[in-house]
C-alpha atoms as a PDB file:
ATOM      1  CA  MET A   1      24.029  -5.225 -16.270  1.00  0.00           C
ATOM      2  CA  TYR A   2      21.066  -7.453 -17.024  1.00  0.00           C
ATOM      3  CA  LEU A   3      20.329 -11.153 -17.138  1.00  0.00           C
ATOM      4  CA  GLU A   4      20.091 -12.633 -20.608  1.00  0.00           C
ATOM      5  CA  ALA A   5      16.483 -13.670 -21.235  1.00  0.00           C
ATOM      6  CA  PRO A   6      14.332 -14.995 -24.107  1.00  0.00           C
ATOM      7  CA  SER A   7      13.104 -12.314 -26.500  1.00  0.00           C
ATOM      8  CA  THR A   8       9.503 -13.425 -25.852  1.00  0.00           C
ATOM      9  CA  PRO A   9       9.234 -14.084 -22.118  1.00  0.00           C
ATOM     10  CA  THR A  10       6.444 -16.406 -20.964  1.00  0.00           C
ATOM     11  CA  GLY A  11       6.602 -16.429 -17.205  1.00  0.00           C
ATOM     12  CA  GLU A  12       2.960 -16.291 -16.149  1.00  0.00           C
ATOM     13  CA  ASN A  13      -0.617 -16.518 -17.339  1.00  0.00           C
ATOM     14  CA  ARG A  14      -2.829 -13.817 -15.829  1.00  0.00           C
ATOM     15  CA  LEU A  15      -6.520 -13.071 -15.541  1.00  0.00           C
ATOM     16  CA  ALA A  16      -7.818  -9.772 -14.150  1.00  0.00           C
ATOM     17  CA  PHE A  17     -11.202  -8.789 -12.715  1.00  0.00           C
ATOM     18  CA  ARG A  18     -12.253  -5.270 -11.818  1.00  0.00           C
ATOM     19  CA  SER A  19     -14.893  -3.646  -9.635  1.00  0.00           C
ATOM     20  CA  LEU A  20     -14.959  -6.537  -7.151  1.00  0.00           C
ATOM     21  CA  ASP A  21     -15.678  -5.747  -3.539  1.00  0.00           C
ATOM     22  CA  TRP A  22     -13.761  -7.413  -0.707  1.00  0.00           C
ATOM     23  CA  SER A  23     -16.478  -9.975  -0.064  1.00  0.00           C
ATOM     24  CA  ALA A  24     -16.540 -11.086  -3.706  1.00  0.00           C
ATOM     25  CA  PHE A  25     -12.760 -11.376  -3.733  1.00  0.00           C
ATOM     26  CA  GLN A  26     -12.834 -13.552  -0.621  1.00  0.00           C
ATOM     27  CA  GLN A  27     -15.446 -15.847  -2.141  1.00  0.00           C
ATOM     28  CA  ILE A  28     -13.436 -16.303  -5.346  1.00  0.00           C
ATOM     29  CA  HIS A  29     -10.249 -16.837  -3.371  1.00  0.00           C
ATOM     30  CA  GLN A  30     -11.837 -19.461  -1.170  1.00  0.00           C
ATOM     31  CA  LEU A  31     -13.485 -21.224  -4.103  1.00  0.00           C
ATOM     32  CA  LEU A  32     -10.481 -21.335  -6.442  1.00  0.00           C
ATOM     33  CA  GLY A  33      -7.567 -21.132  -4.025  1.00  0.00           C
ATOM     34  CA  GLU A  34      -8.117 -24.668  -2.788  1.00  0.00           C
ATOM     35  CA  ARG A  35      -8.389 -26.071  -6.309  1.00  0.00           C
ATOM     36  CA  THR A  36      -5.533 -24.393  -8.153  1.00  0.00           C
ATOM     37  CA  HIS A  37      -1.921 -23.355  -7.709  1.00  0.00           C
ATOM     38  CA  ALA A  38      -2.813 -19.817  -8.749  1.00  0.00           C
ATOM     39  CA  ARG A  39      -1.718 -16.698  -6.874  1.00  0.00           C
ATOM     40  CA  PHE A  40      -4.321 -14.079  -5.956  1.00  0.00           C
ATOM     41  CA  THR A  41      -3.546 -10.374  -5.714  1.00  0.00           C
ATOM     42  CA  TYR A  42      -6.263  -7.900  -4.771  1.00  0.00           C
ATOM     43  CA  ASP A  43      -5.955  -4.129  -4.659  1.00  0.00           C
ATOM     44  CA  ASN A  44      -8.965  -1.926  -3.981  1.00  0.00           C
ATOM     45  CA  GLY A  45     -11.388  -3.612  -6.383  1.00  0.00           C
ATOM     46  CA  THR A  46      -8.967  -5.205  -8.850  1.00  0.00           C
ATOM     47  CA  LEU A  47      -8.263  -8.928  -8.600  1.00  0.00           C
ATOM     48  CA  GLU A  48      -5.466 -10.532 -10.594  1.00  0.00           C
ATOM     49  CA  ILE A  49      -5.173 -14.318 -10.705  1.00  0.00           C
ATOM     50  CA  THR A  50      -1.731 -15.493 -11.770  1.00  0.00           C
ATOM     51  CA  MET A  51      -0.689 -18.969 -12.884  1.00  0.00           C
ATOM     52  CA  PRO A  52       3.118 -19.162 -12.715  1.00  0.00           C
ATOM     53  CA  LEU A  53       4.847 -21.067 -15.512  1.00  0.00           C
ATOM     54  CA  GLU A  54       8.201 -22.844 -15.460  1.00  0.00           C
ATOM     55  CA  GLY A  55      10.303 -19.775 -16.225  1.00  0.00           C
ATOM     56  CA  HIS A  56       8.715 -17.844 -13.389  1.00  0.00           C
ATOM     57  CA  GLU A  57       9.005 -20.635 -10.837  1.00  0.00           C
ATOM     58  CA  ARG A  58      12.609 -21.429 -11.636  1.00  0.00           C
ATOM     59  CA  LEU A  59      13.719 -17.817 -11.220  1.00  0.00           C
ATOM     60  CA  ALA A  60      11.719 -17.460  -7.998  1.00  0.00           C
ATOM     61  CA  ARG A  61      13.299 -20.595  -6.512  1.00  0.00           C
ATOM     62  CA  LEU A  62      16.794 -19.503  -7.539  1.00  0.00           C
ATOM     63  CA  ILE A  63      16.331 -16.101  -5.910  1.00  0.00           C
ATOM     64  CA  GLU A  64      15.095 -17.939  -2.821  1.00  0.00           C
ATOM     65  CA  LEU A  65      18.311 -19.987  -2.825  1.00  0.00           C
ATOM     66  CA  PHE A  66      20.335 -16.793  -3.236  1.00  0.00           C
ATOM     67  CA  ILE A  67      18.689 -15.284  -0.142  1.00  0.00           C
ATOM     68  CA  ARG A  68      18.999 -18.461   1.908  1.00  0.00           C
ATOM     69  CA  ILE A  69      22.736 -18.665   1.209  1.00  0.00           C
ATOM     70  CA  LEU A  70      23.162 -15.064   2.367  1.00  0.00           C
ATOM     71  CA  VAL A  71      21.174 -15.656   5.558  1.00  0.00           C
ATOM     72  CA  VAL A  72      23.090 -18.829   6.453  1.00  0.00           C
ATOM     73  CA  GLU A  73      26.559 -17.512   5.655  1.00  0.00           C
ATOM     74  CA  LEU A  74      25.949 -14.207   7.457  1.00  0.00           C
ATOM     75  CA  GLY A  75      24.733 -16.024  10.554  1.00  0.00           C
ATOM     76  CA  LEU A  76      21.263 -14.463  10.462  1.00  0.00           C
ATOM     77  CA  LYS A  77      17.916 -15.975  11.414  1.00  0.00           C
ATOM     78  CA  MET A  78      14.954 -16.104   9.070  1.00  0.00           C
ATOM     79  CA  LYS A  79      11.316 -17.068   8.954  1.00  0.00           C
ATOM     80  CA  SER A  80      10.321 -17.809   5.358  1.00  0.00           C
ATOM     81  CA  MET A  81       6.685 -17.126   4.489  1.00  0.00           C
ATOM     82  CA  GLY A  82       6.720 -18.407   0.911  1.00  0.00           C
ATOM     83  CA  SER A  83       3.514 -17.340  -0.831  1.00  0.00           C
ATOM     84  CA  THR A  84       1.489 -16.980   2.363  1.00  0.00           C
ATOM     85  CA  THR A  85      -1.429 -14.604   1.838  1.00  0.00           C
ATOM     86  CA  LEU A  86      -0.683 -11.115   3.161  1.00  0.00           C
ATOM     87  CA  ALA A  87      -4.155  -9.659   3.641  1.00  0.00           C
ATOM     88  CA  ARG A  88      -5.370  -6.391   5.130  1.00  0.00           C
ATOM     89  CA  ALA A  89      -9.134  -6.056   4.870  1.00  0.00           C
ATOM     90  CA  ASP A  90      -8.952  -2.554   6.325  1.00  0.00           C
ATOM     91  CA  LEU A  91      -6.775  -1.488   3.371  1.00  0.00           C
ATOM     92  CA  LEU A  92      -8.647  -3.589   0.766  1.00  0.00           C
ATOM     93  CA  LYS A  93      -5.351  -5.204  -0.174  1.00  0.00           C
ATOM     94  CA  SER A  94      -4.137  -8.803  -0.343  1.00  0.00           C
ATOM     95  CA  ALA A  95      -1.063 -10.353  -1.946  1.00  0.00           C
ATOM     96  CA  GLU A  96       0.590 -13.738  -2.370  1.00  0.00           C
ATOM     97  CA  PRO A  97       4.197 -12.931  -3.266  1.00  0.00           C
ATOM     98  CA  ASP A  98       6.716 -15.424  -4.549  1.00  0.00           C
ATOM     99  CA  ASN A  99       8.504 -15.173  -1.222  1.00  0.00           C
ATOM    100  CA  GLY A 100       8.300 -13.178   1.981  1.00  0.00           C
ATOM    101  CA  TYR A 101      10.903 -13.177   4.747  1.00  0.00           C
ATOM    102  CA  TYR A 102      11.180 -12.065   8.340  1.00  0.00           C
ATOM    103  CA  ILE A 103      14.827 -11.338   9.082  1.00  0.00           C
ATOM    104  CA  GLN A 104      15.146  -8.134  11.105  1.00  0.00           C
ATOM    105  CA  ASN A 105      11.805  -8.894  12.795  1.00  0.00           C
ATOM    106  CA  TYR A 106      12.413 -12.623  13.101  1.00  0.00           C
ATOM    107  CA  GLY A 107      12.230 -12.503  16.888  1.00  0.00           C
ATOM    108  CA  SER A 108       8.797 -10.872  16.780  1.00  0.00           C
ATOM    109  CA  VAL A 109       7.137 -13.678  14.789  1.00  0.00           C
ATOM    110  CA  ALA A 110       9.299 -16.780  15.263  1.00  0.00           C
ATOM    111  CA  ASP A 111       7.061 -18.479  17.819  1.00  0.00           C
ATOM    112  CA  HIS A 112       3.592 -17.988  16.326  1.00  0.00           C
ATOM    113  CA  GLU A 113       1.540 -17.788  13.139  1.00  0.00           C
ATOM    114  CA  VAL A 114       1.717 -14.318  11.677  1.00  0.00           C
ATOM    115  CA  ASP A 115      -1.327 -12.073  12.001  1.00  0.00           C
ATOM    116  CA  LEU A 116      -0.875  -8.812  10.104  1.00  0.00           C
ATOM    117  CA  ALA A 117      -3.485  -7.171  12.311  1.00  0.00           C
ATOM    118  CA  VAL A 118      -0.912  -7.159  15.119  1.00  0.00           C
ATOM    119  CA  ASP A 119       2.398  -8.328  13.592  1.00  0.00           C
ATOM    120  CA  PRO A 120       4.675  -6.340  11.266  1.00  0.00           C
ATOM    121  CA  PRO A 121       4.733  -7.249   7.568  1.00  0.00           C
ATOM    122  CA  PRO A 122       7.642  -9.321   6.204  1.00  0.00           C
ATOM    123  CA  ASP A 123      10.941  -7.449   6.142  1.00  0.00           C
ATOM    124  CA  LEU A 124      11.618  -8.505   2.550  1.00  0.00           C
ATOM    125  CA  VAL A 125       9.198  -9.498  -0.199  1.00  0.00           C
ATOM    126  CA  VAL A 126      10.200 -10.894  -3.598  1.00  0.00           C
ATOM    127  CA  GLU A 127       8.060 -10.850  -6.751  1.00  0.00           C
ATOM    128  CA  VAL A 128       8.941 -12.248 -10.177  1.00  0.00           C
ATOM    129  CA  ASP A 129       6.755 -10.563 -12.809  1.00  0.00           C
ATOM    130  CA  ILE A 130       7.945 -11.533 -16.271  1.00  0.00           C
ATOM    131  CA  THR A 131       4.706 -10.640 -18.044  1.00  0.00           C
ATOM    132  CA  HIS A 132       2.602  -7.511 -17.574  1.00  0.00           C
ATOM    133  CA  THR A 133       0.644  -7.177 -14.333  1.00  0.00           C
ATOM    134  CA  ASP A 134      -2.393  -4.923 -13.911  1.00  0.00           C
ATOM    135  CA  ILE A 135      -1.649  -4.453 -10.206  1.00  0.00           C
ATOM    136  CA  GLN A 136       0.569  -1.576  -9.073  1.00  0.00           C
ATOM    137  CA  LYS A 137       2.775  -3.797  -6.946  1.00  0.00           C
ATOM    138  CA  ASN A 138       4.937  -0.954  -5.614  1.00  0.00           C
ATOM    139  CA  ASP A 139       1.909   0.873  -4.249  1.00  0.00           C
ATOM    140  CA  LEU A 140       0.420  -2.361  -2.905  1.00  0.00           C
ATOM    141  CA  TYR A 141       3.432  -3.433  -0.856  1.00  0.00           C
ATOM    142  CA  ALA A 142       4.160   0.127   0.251  1.00  0.00           C
ATOM    143  CA  SER A 143       0.614   0.303   1.631  1.00  0.00           C
ATOM    144  CA  LEU A 144       1.216  -2.970   3.472  1.00  0.00           C
ATOM    145  CA  GLY A 145       4.349  -1.428   4.982  1.00  0.00           C
ATOM    146  CA  VAL A 146       6.887  -3.918   3.557  1.00  0.00           C
ATOM    147  CA  PRO A 147      10.324  -2.332   4.232  1.00  0.00           C
ATOM    148  CA  GLU A 148      12.159  -3.912   1.286  1.00  0.00           C
ATOM    149  CA  PHE A 149      10.720  -5.140  -2.009  1.00  0.00           C
ATOM    150  CA  TRP A 150      12.642  -6.967  -4.723  1.00  0.00           C
ATOM    151  CA  ARG A 151      11.151  -7.128  -8.236  1.00  0.00           C
ATOM    152  CA  PHE A 152      12.574  -9.207 -11.063  1.00  0.00           C
ATOM    153  CA  ASN A 153      11.158  -9.158 -14.598  1.00  0.00           C
ATOM    154  CA  GLY A 154      13.312 -11.899 -16.057  1.00  0.00           C
ATOM    155  CA  ARG A 155      16.081  -9.462 -16.990  1.00  0.00           C
ATOM    156  CA  GLU A 156      16.306  -6.646 -14.461  1.00  0.00           C
ATOM    157  CA  TRP A 157      16.422  -6.739 -10.652  1.00  0.00           C
ATOM    158  CA  THR A 158      14.924  -3.735  -8.873  1.00  0.00           C
ATOM    159  CA  ILE A 159      15.670  -3.154  -5.176  1.00  0.00           C
ATOM    160  CA  LEU A 160      13.143  -0.910  -3.438  1.00  0.00           C
ATOM    161  CA  GLN A 161      13.335   0.474   0.103  1.00  0.00           C
ATOM    162  CA  LEU A 162      10.351   1.992   1.886  1.00  0.00           C
ATOM    163  CA  VAL A 163      10.995   5.605   2.876  1.00  0.00           C
ATOM    164  CA  ALA A 164       8.190   7.749   4.330  1.00  0.00           C
ATOM    165  CA  GLY A 165       5.516   5.485   2.852  1.00  0.00           C
ATOM    166  CA  GLN A 166       6.975   5.280  -0.671  1.00  0.00           C
ATOM    167  CA  TYR A 167       9.594   3.113  -2.326  1.00  0.00           C
ATOM    168  CA  GLU A 168      12.944   4.461  -3.392  1.00  0.00           C
ATOM    169  CA  GLU A 169      15.226   2.435  -5.631  1.00  0.00           C
ATOM    170  CA  ARG A 170      18.559   1.282  -4.275  1.00  0.00           C
ATOM    171  CA  GLN A 171      21.660  -0.171  -5.918  1.00  0.00           C
ATOM    172  CA  ARG A 172      22.300  -2.500  -2.977  1.00  0.00           C
ATOM    173  CA  SER A 173      19.966  -4.403  -0.703  1.00  0.00           C
ATOM    174  CA  PRO A 174      19.454  -2.705   2.696  1.00  0.00           C
ATOM    175  CA  THR A 175      19.105  -6.187   4.228  1.00  0.00           C
ATOM    176  CA  PHE A 176      22.249  -7.542   2.525  1.00  0.00           C
ATOM    177  CA  PRO A 177      24.428  -4.485   1.819  1.00  0.00           C
ATOM    178  CA  LEU A 178      27.392  -6.562   0.683  1.00  0.00           C
ATOM    179  CA  VAL A 179      25.366  -7.657  -2.384  1.00  0.00           C
ATOM    180  CA  ALA A 180      25.380  -5.535  -5.536  1.00  0.00           C
ATOM    181  CA  LYS A 181      23.045  -6.039  -8.481  1.00  0.00           C
ATOM    182  CA  ALA A 182      25.786  -7.678 -10.521  1.00  0.00           C
ATOM    183  CA  ASP A 183      26.090 -10.413  -7.895  1.00  0.00           C
ATOM    184  CA  LEU A 184      22.516 -11.618  -8.396  1.00  0.00           C
ATOM    185  CA  TYR A 185      22.829 -11.472 -12.174  1.00  0.00           C
ATOM    186  CA  GLY A 186      26.022 -13.503 -12.065  1.00  0.00           C
ATOM    187  CA  PHE A 187      24.500 -16.046  -9.699  1.00  0.00           C
ATOM    188  CA  LEU A 188      21.376 -16.500 -11.850  1.00  0.00           C
ATOM    189  CA  GLN A 189      23.369 -16.761 -15.067  1.00  0.00           C
ATOM    190  CA  THR A 190      25.485 -19.549 -13.582  1.00  0.00           C
ATOM    191  CA  ALA A 191      22.559 -21.263 -11.830  1.00  0.00           C
ATOM    192  CA  ILE A 192      20.458 -21.476 -14.978  1.00  0.00           C
ATOM    193  CA  ALA A 193      23.217 -23.643 -16.435  1.00  0.00           C
ATOM    194  CA  ASP A 194      24.297 -25.423 -13.227  1.00  0.00           C
ATOM    195  CA  GLU A 195      22.539 -24.799  -9.888  1.00  0.00           C
ATOM    196  CA  VAL A 196      25.010 -26.802  -7.805  1.00  0.00           C
ATOM    197  CA  THR A 197      28.052 -24.939  -9.116  1.00  0.00           C
ATOM    198  CA  ALA A 198      26.279 -21.608  -8.632  1.00  0.00           C
ATOM    199  CA  GLU A 199      25.463 -22.433  -5.017  1.00  0.00           C
ATOM    200  CA  LEU A 200      28.987 -23.576  -4.174  1.00  0.00           C
ATOM    201  CA  ASP A 201      30.625 -20.608  -5.899  1.00  0.00           C
ATOM    202  CA  PHE A 202      28.293 -18.067  -4.287  1.00  0.00           C
ATOM    203  CA  ARG A 203      28.713 -19.521  -0.805  1.00  0.00           C
ATOM    204  CA  GLN A 204      32.470 -19.263  -1.195  1.00  0.00           C
ATOM    205  CA  TRP A 205      32.201 -15.698  -2.482  1.00  0.00           C
ATOM    206  CA  VAL A 206      30.056 -14.618   0.483  1.00  0.00           C
ATOM    207  CA  ARG A 207      32.566 -16.145   2.890  1.00  0.00           C
ATOM    208  CA  THR A 208      35.395 -14.181   1.317  1.00  0.00           C
ATOM    209  CA  GLN A 209      33.376 -10.952   1.626  1.00  0.00           C
ATOM    210  CA  ILE A 210      32.726 -11.580   5.308  1.00  0.00           C
END
């Protein structure tokens, strides 16, 4: 099952630079990051600057709502990182995902600002990539040690779990095993037409599953 999507998706504008060292990336990030709403992803010399468009942002916010409903109804705790920069200079990698969440490791980071030099990475990271990206996101987040990575391209939801340093695809979320792929597709399809109805219906569905 897939989500119905426009035949010509226009979710992001992207600009890529190659052969940039870490110092050059930091300078560009500092210069432009304060002046734009762009997202910056850097992987071993390649910098991609992404400007999310409406289609991208709406899907990202709806997936965020989907996760928040699950967390609340399941009685879990969560620290939401949004698009906070996840940087590891020692790995020459930096990312600003659509959303990052501490759920299993909530207790380890709840009372302080996260420092990836000593703290674990987010338990779950979500990326919406409707248009082509030059960054190998799977390799990037695997290197950062993110246990679960959701990717959504406007039609298909991919659930990836980190196993021995590499991602393996799953049919259900390890964090929310009661959720199958069809559940997200159904939620998004309803929410695109009516967000309030989608939220109410999904909350009720989760309660019946519990």
